[in-house]
Amino acid sequence: MTTYNTSALNYTWLVWLLIQVPIILLIDGLHFLFPSWVYELAGSPLHFAHRTKQDYITSTNDAIAQWSPEGINGENAWIGFFLYAEIFTTLPVVLYAIWHLGVRRRGTSGATELVLLVYGYHVALSTAMCIYSVLFWDPAVYSREAKRTLILQYYAPWLAVPTLIFFDMASRLFKRFRAADAALATKKVQ
């Protein structure tokens, strides 16, 4: 029989995951998932998402957000890899977790905790790589203050929250392992 963890943190993680869906679909994945006629022209259905991304790029000059398959070179090919990973692995995991935390509302099972553990690790690692990249951007183009603002305001939450999810899920899984080990030890004694 499956046991479910109904921690109050589940609601926090659910809100975080719900925020991530439109960001993946309408900001990060916009140019990969939809044809240009859906977002480029004013009045097109997803023009607001295109405009939001362009406003972000204009205000921050974020080179990672400016990445496109047409501009790929050896120095920035990793960005495309992470964007595709976000669309084809992170998005399904987020939808799975939303289903379990928000729709079923049972709490987390061991399987859900394992999936969220991997999610937390993947998102934190890819965000850490983005932050590391920002640190080495050309100082003639990006001032120290601009880099600091970009890291603290835009990237840090995407490092901090998934890291907290990772440690929360690891803690839950370790409790399950200890309980299973204790049950096995009790069974052996009998």
N, C-alpha and C. Protein backbone atom coordinates (compact mmCIF):
# COMPACT_ATOMS: atom_id res chain seq x y z
N MET A 1 0.83 -1.17 0.00
CA MET A 1 0.00 0.00 0.00
C MET A 1 0.88 1.25 0.00
N THR A 2 0.55 2.18 -0.85
CA THR A 2 1.31 3.42 -0.97
C THR A 2 0.96 4.37 0.16
N THR A 3 1.99 4.97 0.74
CA THR A 3 1.75 6.01 1.74
C THR A 3 2.05 7.36 1.10
N TYR A 4 1.30 8.36 1.51
CA TYR A 4 1.43 9.69 0.92
C TYR A 4 1.88 10.69 1.96
N ASN A 5 2.80 11.57 1.57
CA ASN A 5 3.26 12.63 2.43
C ASN A 5 2.43 13.87 2.12
N THR A 6 1.72 14.37 3.11
CA THR A 6 0.84 15.52 2.91
C THR A 6 1.41 16.79 3.55
N SER A 7 2.70 16.97 3.44
CA SER A 7 3.37 18.14 3.99
C SER A 7 2.76 19.43 3.44
N ALA A 8 2.73 20.46 4.28
CA ALA A 8 2.24 21.77 3.85
C ALA A 8 3.12 22.35 2.74
N LEU A 9 4.37 21.91 2.68
CA LEU A 9 5.25 22.37 1.61
C LEU A 9 4.74 21.97 0.23
N ASN A 10 3.92 20.93 0.17
CA ASN A 10 3.38 20.51 -1.13
C ASN A 10 2.66 21.66 -1.82
N TYR A 11 1.97 22.49 -1.05
CA TYR A 11 1.24 23.63 -1.65
C TYR A 11 2.21 24.67 -2.19
N THR A 12 3.32 24.88 -1.50
CA THR A 12 4.34 25.80 -1.98
C THR A 12 4.93 25.29 -3.28
N TRP A 13 5.26 24.00 -3.31
CA TRP A 13 5.82 23.41 -4.53
C TRP A 13 4.81 23.45 -5.67
N LEU A 14 3.54 23.23 -5.36
CA LEU A 14 2.50 23.28 -6.38
C LEU A 14 2.41 24.67 -7.01
N VAL A 15 2.43 25.70 -6.19
CA VAL A 15 2.39 27.07 -6.72
C VAL A 15 3.60 27.33 -7.60
N TRP A 16 4.77 26.91 -7.14
CA TRP A 16 5.99 27.08 -7.94
C TRP A 16 5.85 26.38 -9.29
N LEU A 17 5.37 25.17 -9.29
CA LEU A 17 5.23 24.40 -10.53
C LEU A 17 4.19 25.04 -11.45
N LEU A 18 3.12 25.56 -10.88
CA LEU A 18 2.10 26.23 -11.70
C LEU A 18 2.66 27.49 -12.36
N ILE A 19 3.54 28.18 -11.68
CA ILE A 19 4.20 29.36 -12.26
C ILE A 19 5.11 28.95 -13.41
N GLN A 20 5.74 27.79 -13.27
CA GLN A 20 6.72 27.37 -14.26
C GLN A 20 6.10 27.00 -15.61
N VAL A 21 4.88 26.49 -15.62
CA VAL A 21 4.26 26.04 -16.89
C VAL A 21 4.17 27.17 -17.92
N PRO A 22 3.57 28.33 -17.60
CA PRO A 22 3.52 29.37 -18.63
C PRO A 22 4.90 29.90 -19.01
N ILE A 23 5.85 29.88 -18.09
CA ILE A 23 7.19 30.34 -18.42
C ILE A 23 7.84 29.39 -19.43
N ILE A 24 7.69 28.09 -19.22
CA ILE A 24 8.25 27.13 -20.17
C ILE A 24 7.58 27.26 -21.53
N LEU A 25 6.25 27.29 -21.53
CA LEU A 25 5.51 27.31 -22.79
C LEU A 25 5.59 28.64 -23.53
N LEU A 26 5.45 29.74 -22.81
CA LEU A 26 5.27 31.03 -23.46
C LEU A 26 6.51 31.92 -23.50
N ILE A 27 7.51 31.59 -22.73
CA ILE A 27 8.73 32.39 -22.75
C ILE A 27 9.89 31.56 -23.31
N ASP A 28 10.30 30.54 -22.57
CA ASP A 28 11.46 29.75 -22.99
C ASP A 28 11.18 28.93 -24.24
N GLY A 29 10.00 28.35 -24.35
CA GLY A 29 9.70 27.47 -25.48
C GLY A 29 8.97 28.13 -26.63
N LEU A 30 8.69 29.42 -26.53
CA LEU A 30 7.87 30.10 -27.52
C LEU A 30 8.35 29.87 -28.95
N HIS A 31 9.65 30.09 -29.18
CA HIS A 31 10.19 29.99 -30.54
C HIS A 31 10.40 28.55 -30.99
N PHE A 32 10.34 27.61 -30.07
CA PHE A 32 10.52 26.20 -30.41
C PHE A 32 9.20 25.47 -30.62
N LEU A 33 8.18 25.90 -29.91
CA LEU A 33 6.92 25.17 -29.91
C LEU A 33 5.88 25.72 -30.88
N PHE A 34 6.02 26.97 -31.25
CA PHE A 34 4.98 27.61 -32.06
C PHE A 34 5.57 28.21 -33.33
N PRO A 35 4.80 28.19 -34.43
CA PRO A 35 5.27 28.87 -35.64
C PRO A 35 5.27 30.39 -35.42
N SER A 36 6.12 31.09 -36.14
CA SER A 36 6.30 32.53 -35.90
C SER A 36 5.02 33.34 -36.11
N TRP A 37 4.12 32.90 -36.97
CA TRP A 37 2.89 33.66 -37.21
C TRP A 37 1.99 33.71 -35.97
N VAL A 38 2.23 32.79 -35.02
CA VAL A 38 1.41 32.75 -33.81
C VAL A 38 1.84 33.81 -32.79
N TYR A 39 3.08 34.31 -32.91
CA TYR A 39 3.56 35.24 -31.88
C TYR A 39 4.20 36.52 -32.40
N GLU A 40 4.72 36.56 -33.61
CA GLU A 40 5.50 37.72 -34.04
C GLU A 40 4.68 38.97 -34.33
N LEU A 41 3.62 38.84 -35.09
CA LEU A 41 2.85 40.00 -35.52
C LEU A 41 1.95 40.53 -34.41
N ALA A 42 1.86 41.85 -34.31
CA ALA A 42 0.95 42.45 -33.34
C ALA A 42 -0.46 41.96 -33.65
N GLY A 43 -1.17 41.57 -32.63
CA GLY A 43 -2.52 41.04 -32.80
C GLY A 43 -2.56 39.53 -32.93
N SER A 44 -1.41 38.89 -33.08
CA SER A 44 -1.39 37.42 -33.15
C SER A 44 -1.66 36.86 -31.75
N PRO A 45 -2.14 35.62 -31.67
CA PRO A 45 -2.60 35.07 -30.38
C PRO A 45 -1.57 35.11 -29.25
N LEU A 46 -0.31 34.86 -29.56
CA LEU A 46 0.71 34.82 -28.50
C LEU A 46 1.68 36.00 -28.58
N HIS A 47 1.25 37.08 -29.20
CA HIS A 47 2.14 38.24 -29.32
C HIS A 47 2.51 38.80 -27.94
N PHE A 48 1.60 38.71 -26.98
CA PHE A 48 1.90 39.20 -25.63
C PHE A 48 3.12 38.48 -25.04
N ALA A 49 3.25 37.18 -25.32
CA ALA A 49 4.39 36.41 -24.80
C ALA A 49 5.68 36.85 -25.50
N HIS A 50 5.60 37.03 -26.80
CA HIS A 50 6.76 37.50 -27.57
C HIS A 50 7.18 38.88 -27.07
N ARG A 51 6.21 39.77 -26.85
CA ARG A 51 6.48 41.12 -26.38
C ARG A 51 7.11 41.07 -24.97
N THR A 52 6.60 40.20 -24.12
CA THR A 52 7.15 40.05 -22.76
C THR A 52 8.61 39.63 -22.82
N LYS A 53 8.90 38.65 -23.67
CA LYS A 53 10.29 38.18 -23.80
C LYS A 53 11.18 39.29 -24.37
N GLN A 54 10.69 40.01 -25.37
CA GLN A 54 11.48 41.09 -25.95
C GLN A 54 11.72 42.21 -24.94
N ASP A 55 10.73 42.53 -24.13
CA ASP A 55 10.90 43.55 -23.09
C ASP A 55 11.94 43.10 -22.07
N TYR A 56 11.91 41.82 -21.70
CA TYR A 56 12.91 41.28 -20.77
C TYR A 56 14.31 41.40 -21.37
N ILE A 57 14.45 41.01 -22.64
CA ILE A 57 15.75 41.08 -23.30
C ILE A 57 16.23 42.53 -23.39
N THR A 58 15.33 43.44 -23.73
CA THR A 58 15.68 44.86 -23.82
C THR A 58 16.15 45.40 -22.48
N SER A 59 15.48 45.02 -21.41
CA SER A 59 15.83 45.57 -20.09
C SER A 59 17.07 44.92 -19.49
N THR A 60 17.35 43.67 -19.82
CA THR A 60 18.47 42.97 -19.18
C THR A 60 19.63 42.66 -20.12
N ASN A 61 19.38 42.63 -21.42
CA ASN A 61 20.37 42.20 -22.41
C ASN A 61 20.87 40.79 -22.10
N ASP A 62 20.00 39.95 -21.57
CA ASP A 62 20.34 38.58 -21.19
C ASP A 62 20.70 37.77 -22.43
N ALA A 63 21.97 37.42 -22.55
CA ALA A 63 22.43 36.68 -23.73
C ALA A 63 21.83 35.28 -23.80
N ILE A 64 21.51 34.70 -22.67
CA ILE A 64 20.91 33.36 -22.66
C ILE A 64 19.50 33.42 -23.23
N ALA A 65 18.74 34.43 -22.85
CA ALA A 65 17.37 34.58 -23.38
C ALA A 65 17.38 34.93 -24.86
N GLN A 66 18.47 35.48 -25.36
CA GLN A 66 18.57 35.85 -26.77
C GLN A 66 18.97 34.69 -27.67
N TRP A 67 19.29 33.55 -27.09
CA TRP A 67 19.76 32.41 -27.87
C TRP A 67 18.70 31.95 -28.86
N SER A 68 19.17 31.57 -30.04
CA SER A 68 18.27 30.97 -31.03
C SER A 68 19.07 29.92 -31.81
N PRO A 69 18.39 28.94 -32.40
CA PRO A 69 19.11 27.91 -33.16
C PRO A 69 19.92 28.50 -34.32
N GLU A 70 19.47 29.63 -34.87
CA GLU A 70 20.18 30.24 -35.99
C GLU A 70 21.54 30.80 -35.57
N GLY A 71 21.66 31.23 -34.33
CA GLY A 71 22.90 31.84 -33.86
C GLY A 71 23.81 30.88 -33.13
N ILE A 72 23.60 29.59 -33.30
CA ILE A 72 24.36 28.60 -32.53
C ILE A 72 25.84 28.61 -32.92
N ASN A 73 26.68 28.51 -31.93
CA ASN A 73 28.12 28.32 -32.15
C ASN A 73 28.64 27.46 -31.00
N GLY A 74 29.90 27.14 -31.05
CA GLY A 74 30.47 26.23 -30.06
C GLY A 74 30.40 26.75 -28.64
N GLU A 75 30.38 28.07 -28.48
CA GLU A 75 30.38 28.65 -27.14
C GLU A 75 29.03 28.60 -26.46
N ASN A 76 27.95 28.62 -27.25
CA ASN A 76 26.63 28.70 -26.62
C ASN A 76 25.70 27.55 -26.96
N ALA A 77 26.23 26.48 -27.51
CA ALA A 77 25.39 25.33 -27.89
C ALA A 77 24.69 24.72 -26.68
N TRP A 78 25.30 24.82 -25.52
CA TRP A 78 24.70 24.25 -24.31
C TRP A 78 23.36 24.89 -23.97
N ILE A 79 23.16 26.14 -24.36
CA ILE A 79 21.89 26.82 -24.06
C ILE A 79 20.74 26.10 -24.76
N GLY A 80 20.94 25.77 -26.02
CA GLY A 80 19.91 25.04 -26.76
C GLY A 80 19.61 23.70 -26.14
N PHE A 81 20.65 23.01 -25.69
CA PHE A 81 20.45 21.72 -25.04
C PHE A 81 19.54 21.87 -23.82
N PHE A 82 19.82 22.88 -23.00
CA PHE A 82 19.00 23.09 -21.81
C PHE A 82 17.58 23.52 -22.15
N LEU A 83 17.41 24.30 -23.20
CA LEU A 83 16.06 24.70 -23.60
C LEU A 83 15.26 23.49 -24.08
N TYR A 84 15.89 22.65 -24.89
CA TYR A 84 15.20 21.44 -25.34
C TYR A 84 14.92 20.50 -24.16
N ALA A 85 15.87 20.39 -23.24
CA ALA A 85 15.64 19.56 -22.05
C ALA A 85 14.49 20.12 -21.22
N GLU A 86 14.40 21.44 -21.15
CA GLU A 86 13.31 22.05 -20.39
C GLU A 86 11.96 21.72 -21.02
N ILE A 87 11.90 21.77 -22.34
CA ILE A 87 10.64 21.52 -23.03
C ILE A 87 10.27 20.04 -22.99
N PHE A 88 11.23 19.16 -23.24
CA PHE A 88 10.91 17.74 -23.41
C PHE A 88 11.08 16.88 -22.16
N THR A 89 11.74 17.40 -21.13
CA THR A 89 11.83 16.62 -19.88
C THR A 89 11.23 17.38 -18.70
N THR A 90 11.61 18.63 -18.53
CA THR A 90 11.11 19.38 -17.38
C THR A 90 9.61 19.60 -17.46
N LEU A 91 9.11 20.01 -18.62
CA LEU A 91 7.67 20.27 -18.75
C LEU A 91 6.83 19.04 -18.43
N PRO A 92 7.14 17.85 -18.98
CA PRO A 92 6.34 16.68 -18.59
C PRO A 92 6.42 16.36 -17.09
N VAL A 93 7.59 16.53 -16.51
CA VAL A 93 7.74 16.29 -15.07
C VAL A 93 6.90 17.28 -14.27
N VAL A 94 6.93 18.54 -14.67
CA VAL A 94 6.13 19.57 -13.99
C VAL A 94 4.65 19.24 -14.09
N LEU A 95 4.19 18.85 -15.27
CA LEU A 95 2.77 18.50 -15.45
C LEU A 95 2.40 17.28 -14.61
N TYR A 96 3.30 16.29 -14.56
CA TYR A 96 3.08 15.10 -13.72
C TYR A 96 2.94 15.50 -12.25
N ALA A 97 3.85 16.36 -11.79
CA ALA A 97 3.83 16.78 -10.39
C ALA A 97 2.58 17.61 -10.08
N ILE A 98 2.18 18.47 -11.01
CA ILE A 98 0.95 19.25 -10.81
C ILE A 98 -0.24 18.32 -10.71
N TRP A 99 -0.26 17.29 -11.54
CA TRP A 99 -1.35 16.31 -11.48
C TRP A 99 -1.43 15.67 -10.10
N HIS A 100 -0.28 15.25 -9.59
CA HIS A 100 -0.28 14.56 -8.29
C HIS A 100 -0.52 15.50 -7.11
N LEU A 101 0.06 16.69 -7.16
CA LEU A 101 -0.08 17.61 -6.03
C LEU A 101 -1.37 18.42 -6.07
N GLY A 102 -1.80 18.79 -7.27
CA GLY A 102 -2.93 19.70 -7.38
C GLY A 102 -4.24 19.06 -7.76
N VAL A 103 -4.20 18.05 -8.61
CA VAL A 103 -5.44 17.43 -9.08
C VAL A 103 -5.84 16.28 -8.17
N ARG A 104 -4.92 15.36 -7.94
CA ARG A 104 -5.23 14.21 -7.08
C ARG A 104 -5.28 14.59 -5.61
N ARG A 105 -4.46 15.55 -5.22
CA ARG A 105 -4.43 16.08 -3.84
C ARG A 105 -4.27 15.02 -2.77
N ARG A 106 -3.51 14.03 -3.06
CA ARG A 106 -3.24 12.99 -2.05
C ARG A 106 -1.94 13.26 -1.30
N GLY A 107 -1.11 14.07 -1.86
CA GLY A 107 0.23 14.25 -1.31
C GLY A 107 1.22 13.58 -2.24
N THR A 108 2.41 13.39 -1.75
CA THR A 108 3.44 12.79 -2.59
C THR A 108 3.64 11.33 -2.22
N SER A 109 3.74 10.51 -3.23
CA SER A 109 4.13 9.11 -3.04
C SER A 109 5.64 9.05 -3.22
N GLY A 110 6.21 7.90 -3.00
CA GLY A 110 7.65 7.74 -3.21
C GLY A 110 8.03 8.03 -4.65
N ALA A 111 7.19 7.61 -5.59
CA ALA A 111 7.48 7.84 -7.01
C ALA A 111 7.46 9.34 -7.33
N THR A 112 6.48 10.05 -6.81
CA THR A 112 6.40 11.49 -7.05
C THR A 112 7.59 12.20 -6.41
N GLU A 113 7.98 11.77 -5.23
CA GLU A 113 9.14 12.37 -4.57
C GLU A 113 10.42 12.14 -5.36
N LEU A 114 10.55 10.96 -5.94
CA LEU A 114 11.73 10.68 -6.76
C LEU A 114 11.75 11.55 -8.01
N VAL A 115 10.61 11.70 -8.65
CA VAL A 115 10.52 12.55 -9.84
C VAL A 115 10.85 14.00 -9.48
N LEU A 116 10.32 14.49 -8.37
CA LEU A 116 10.60 15.87 -7.96
C LEU A 116 12.05 16.04 -7.49
N LEU A 117 12.66 15.01 -6.96
CA LEU A 117 14.07 15.05 -6.61
C LEU A 117 14.90 15.28 -7.87
N VAL A 118 14.61 14.52 -8.91
CA VAL A 118 15.33 14.67 -10.19
C VAL A 118 15.04 16.04 -10.79
N TYR A 119 13.78 16.48 -10.72
CA TYR A 119 13.41 17.82 -11.21
C TYR A 119 14.25 18.88 -10.51
N GLY A 120 14.28 18.84 -9.18
CA GLY A 120 15.03 19.83 -8.42
C GLY A 120 16.50 19.86 -8.80
N TYR A 121 17.09 18.69 -8.95
CA TYR A 121 18.50 18.60 -9.33
C TYR A 121 18.72 19.17 -10.72
N HIS A 122 17.88 18.76 -11.66
CA HIS A 122 18.04 19.20 -13.06
C HIS A 122 17.90 20.71 -13.20
N VAL A 123 16.86 21.28 -12.61
CA VAL A 123 16.62 22.72 -12.75
C VAL A 123 17.69 23.52 -12.01
N ALA A 124 18.07 23.08 -10.83
CA ALA A 124 19.11 23.78 -10.07
C ALA A 124 20.45 23.72 -10.82
N LEU A 125 20.79 22.56 -11.36
CA LEU A 125 22.06 22.43 -12.08
C LEU A 125 22.07 23.29 -13.34
N SER A 126 21.00 23.25 -14.13
CA SER A 126 20.99 24.04 -15.36
C SER A 126 21.00 25.54 -15.04
N THR A 127 20.33 25.94 -13.97
CA THR A 127 20.36 27.35 -13.57
C THR A 127 21.74 27.74 -13.05
N ALA A 128 22.39 26.86 -12.31
CA ALA A 128 23.75 27.13 -11.84
C ALA A 128 24.69 27.32 -13.02
N MET A 129 24.50 26.54 -14.07
CA MET A 129 25.34 26.71 -15.27
C MET A 129 25.09 28.06 -15.92
N CYS A 130 23.84 28.50 -15.94
CA CYS A 130 23.52 29.83 -16.49
C CYS A 130 24.20 30.92 -15.66
N ILE A 131 24.11 30.80 -14.35
CA ILE A 131 24.74 31.79 -13.47
C ILE A 131 26.25 31.80 -13.68
N TYR A 132 26.84 30.64 -13.78
CA TYR A 132 28.28 30.54 -14.02
C TYR A 132 28.66 31.22 -15.33
N SER A 133 27.84 31.02 -16.35
CA SER A 133 28.09 31.66 -17.64
C SER A 133 28.02 33.18 -17.53
N VAL A 134 27.02 33.69 -16.81
CA VAL A 134 26.86 35.13 -16.65
C VAL A 134 28.11 35.75 -16.02
N LEU A 135 28.72 35.04 -15.09
CA LEU A 135 29.91 35.56 -14.41
C LEU A 135 31.05 35.87 -15.37
N PHE A 136 31.07 35.20 -16.53
CA PHE A 136 32.17 35.37 -17.48
C PHE A 136 31.79 36.21 -18.70
N TRP A 137 30.62 36.82 -18.68
CA TRP A 137 30.24 37.67 -19.81
C TRP A 137 31.17 38.88 -19.89
N ASP A 138 31.33 39.38 -21.08
CA ASP A 138 32.23 40.49 -21.38
C ASP A 138 31.94 41.70 -20.49
N PRO A 139 32.93 42.12 -19.67
CA PRO A 139 32.71 43.26 -18.79
C PRO A 139 32.51 44.58 -19.55
N ALA A 140 32.92 44.63 -20.81
CA ALA A 140 32.69 45.84 -21.60
C ALA A 140 31.21 45.99 -21.97
N VAL A 141 30.49 44.86 -22.03
CA VAL A 141 29.07 44.87 -22.39
C VAL A 141 28.19 44.81 -21.15
N TYR A 142 28.61 44.02 -20.16
CA TYR A 142 27.81 43.79 -18.96
C TYR A 142 28.58 44.29 -17.74
N SER A 143 28.09 45.33 -17.12
CA SER A 143 28.75 45.85 -15.92
C SER A 143 28.60 44.83 -14.79
N ARG A 144 29.42 45.01 -13.80
CA ARG A 144 29.33 44.14 -12.62
C ARG A 144 27.94 44.22 -11.99
N GLU A 145 27.39 45.43 -11.94
CA GLU A 145 26.05 45.64 -11.36
C GLU A 145 24.97 44.97 -12.21
N ALA A 146 25.11 45.03 -13.54
CA ALA A 146 24.13 44.38 -14.43
C ALA A 146 24.15 42.87 -14.23
N LYS A 147 25.34 42.31 -14.11
CA LYS A 147 25.46 40.86 -13.87
C LYS A 147 24.85 40.49 -12.52
N ARG A 148 25.15 41.30 -11.52
CA ARG A 148 24.63 41.04 -10.17
C ARG A 148 23.11 41.07 -10.17
N THR A 149 22.54 42.08 -10.81
CA THR A 149 21.08 42.21 -10.88
C THR A 149 20.48 41.01 -11.61
N LEU A 150 21.07 40.65 -12.73
CA LEU A 150 20.56 39.52 -13.51
C LEU A 150 20.59 38.24 -12.69
N ILE A 151 21.69 38.01 -12.01
CA ILE A 151 21.82 36.79 -11.21
C ILE A 151 20.85 36.79 -10.03
N LEU A 152 20.83 37.87 -9.26
CA LEU A 152 20.01 37.88 -8.04
C LEU A 152 18.51 37.99 -8.31
N GLN A 153 18.13 38.77 -9.30
CA GLN A 153 16.70 38.98 -9.53
C GLN A 153 16.08 37.92 -10.43
N TYR A 154 16.83 37.42 -11.39
CA TYR A 154 16.22 36.53 -12.37
C TYR A 154 16.65 35.07 -12.24
N TYR A 155 17.91 34.83 -11.92
CA TYR A 155 18.37 33.44 -11.87
C TYR A 155 18.34 32.82 -10.48
N ALA A 156 18.61 33.61 -9.45
CA ALA A 156 18.69 33.05 -8.09
C ALA A 156 17.44 32.30 -7.65
N PRO A 157 16.23 32.81 -7.92
CA PRO A 157 15.04 32.04 -7.51
C PRO A 157 14.97 30.68 -8.20
N TRP A 158 15.45 30.61 -9.44
CA TRP A 158 15.41 29.34 -10.18
C TRP A 158 16.51 28.39 -9.73
N LEU A 159 17.42 28.89 -8.93
CA LEU A 159 18.40 28.03 -8.28
C LEU A 159 17.92 27.66 -6.88
N ALA A 160 17.42 28.63 -6.14
CA ALA A 160 17.05 28.41 -4.74
C ALA A 160 15.85 27.48 -4.57
N VAL A 161 14.76 27.75 -5.26
CA VAL A 161 13.55 26.95 -5.04
C VAL A 161 13.74 25.50 -5.47
N PRO A 162 14.28 25.22 -6.67
CA PRO A 162 14.51 23.81 -7.01
C PRO A 162 15.50 23.12 -6.06
N THR A 163 16.47 23.86 -5.55
CA THR A 163 17.39 23.27 -4.57
C THR A 163 16.63 22.89 -3.30
N LEU A 164 15.73 23.75 -2.85
CA LEU A 164 14.90 23.42 -1.68
C LEU A 164 14.00 22.22 -1.97
N ILE A 165 13.44 22.17 -3.17
CA ILE A 165 12.63 21.01 -3.55
C ILE A 165 13.48 19.75 -3.51
N PHE A 166 14.69 19.82 -4.05
CA PHE A 166 15.60 18.67 -4.05
C PHE A 166 15.84 18.17 -2.63
N PHE A 167 16.19 19.07 -1.72
CA PHE A 167 16.48 18.63 -0.35
C PHE A 167 15.24 18.16 0.39
N ASP A 168 14.09 18.78 0.12
CA ASP A 168 12.85 18.32 0.74
C ASP A 168 12.52 16.90 0.27
N MET A 169 12.63 16.66 -1.02
CA MET A 169 12.31 15.32 -1.55
C MET A 169 13.34 14.29 -1.09
N ALA A 170 14.60 14.68 -1.02
CA ALA A 170 15.63 13.76 -0.52
C ALA A 170 15.32 13.38 0.93
N SER A 171 14.94 14.35 1.73
CA SER A 171 14.58 14.09 3.12
C SER A 171 13.40 13.12 3.21
N ARG A 172 12.39 13.34 2.39
CA ARG A 172 11.21 12.47 2.41
C ARG A 172 11.58 11.04 1.97
N LEU A 173 12.41 10.95 0.95
CA LEU A 173 12.80 9.62 0.47
C LEU A 173 13.65 8.89 1.50
N PHE A 174 14.56 9.62 2.18
CA PHE A 174 15.37 8.98 3.22
C PHE A 174 14.49 8.46 4.35
N LYS A 175 13.44 9.19 4.71
CA LYS A 175 12.50 8.71 5.73
C LYS A 175 11.82 7.43 5.27
N ARG A 176 11.46 7.39 4.01
CA ARG A 176 10.84 6.17 3.46
C ARG A 176 11.82 5.00 3.50
N PHE A 177 13.06 5.26 3.13
CA PHE A 177 14.08 4.20 3.15
C PHE A 177 14.29 3.68 4.57
N ARG A 178 14.38 4.61 5.53
CA ARG A 178 14.57 4.19 6.93
C ARG A 178 13.38 3.38 7.42
N ALA A 179 12.17 3.80 7.06
CA ALA A 179 10.96 3.06 7.47
C ALA A 179 10.94 1.68 6.83
N ALA A 180 11.34 1.60 5.57
CA ALA A 180 11.37 0.30 4.89
C ALA A 180 12.44 -0.59 5.51
N ASP A 181 13.60 -0.02 5.82
CA ASP A 181 14.66 -0.81 6.46
C ASP A 181 14.22 -1.30 7.84
N ALA A 182 13.55 -0.43 8.60
CA ALA A 182 13.07 -0.83 9.93
C ALA A 182 12.02 -1.93 9.82
N ALA A 183 11.12 -1.83 8.86
CA ALA A 183 10.10 -2.86 8.66
C ALA A 183 10.75 -4.18 8.26
N LEU A 184 11.77 -4.11 7.42
CA LEU A 184 12.47 -5.32 6.99
C LEU A 184 13.21 -5.95 8.17
N ALA A 185 13.84 -5.12 9.00
CA ALA A 185 14.55 -5.63 10.18
C ALA A 185 13.57 -6.28 11.15
N THR A 186 12.41 -5.68 11.34
CA THR A 186 11.38 -6.25 12.22
C THR A 186 10.90 -7.58 11.68
N LYS A 187 10.72 -7.65 10.39
CA LYS A 187 10.24 -8.88 9.75
C LYS A 187 11.28 -10.00 9.89
N LYS A 188 12.57 -9.66 9.79
CA LYS A 188 13.63 -10.66 9.92
C LYS A 188 13.68 -11.22 11.34
N VAL A 189 13.42 -10.36 12.34
CA VAL A 189 13.46 -10.78 13.74
C VAL A 189 12.35 -11.79 14.02
N GLN A 190 11.21 -11.62 13.39
CA GLN A 190 10.07 -12.51 13.65
C GLN A 190 10.32 -13.82 13.05
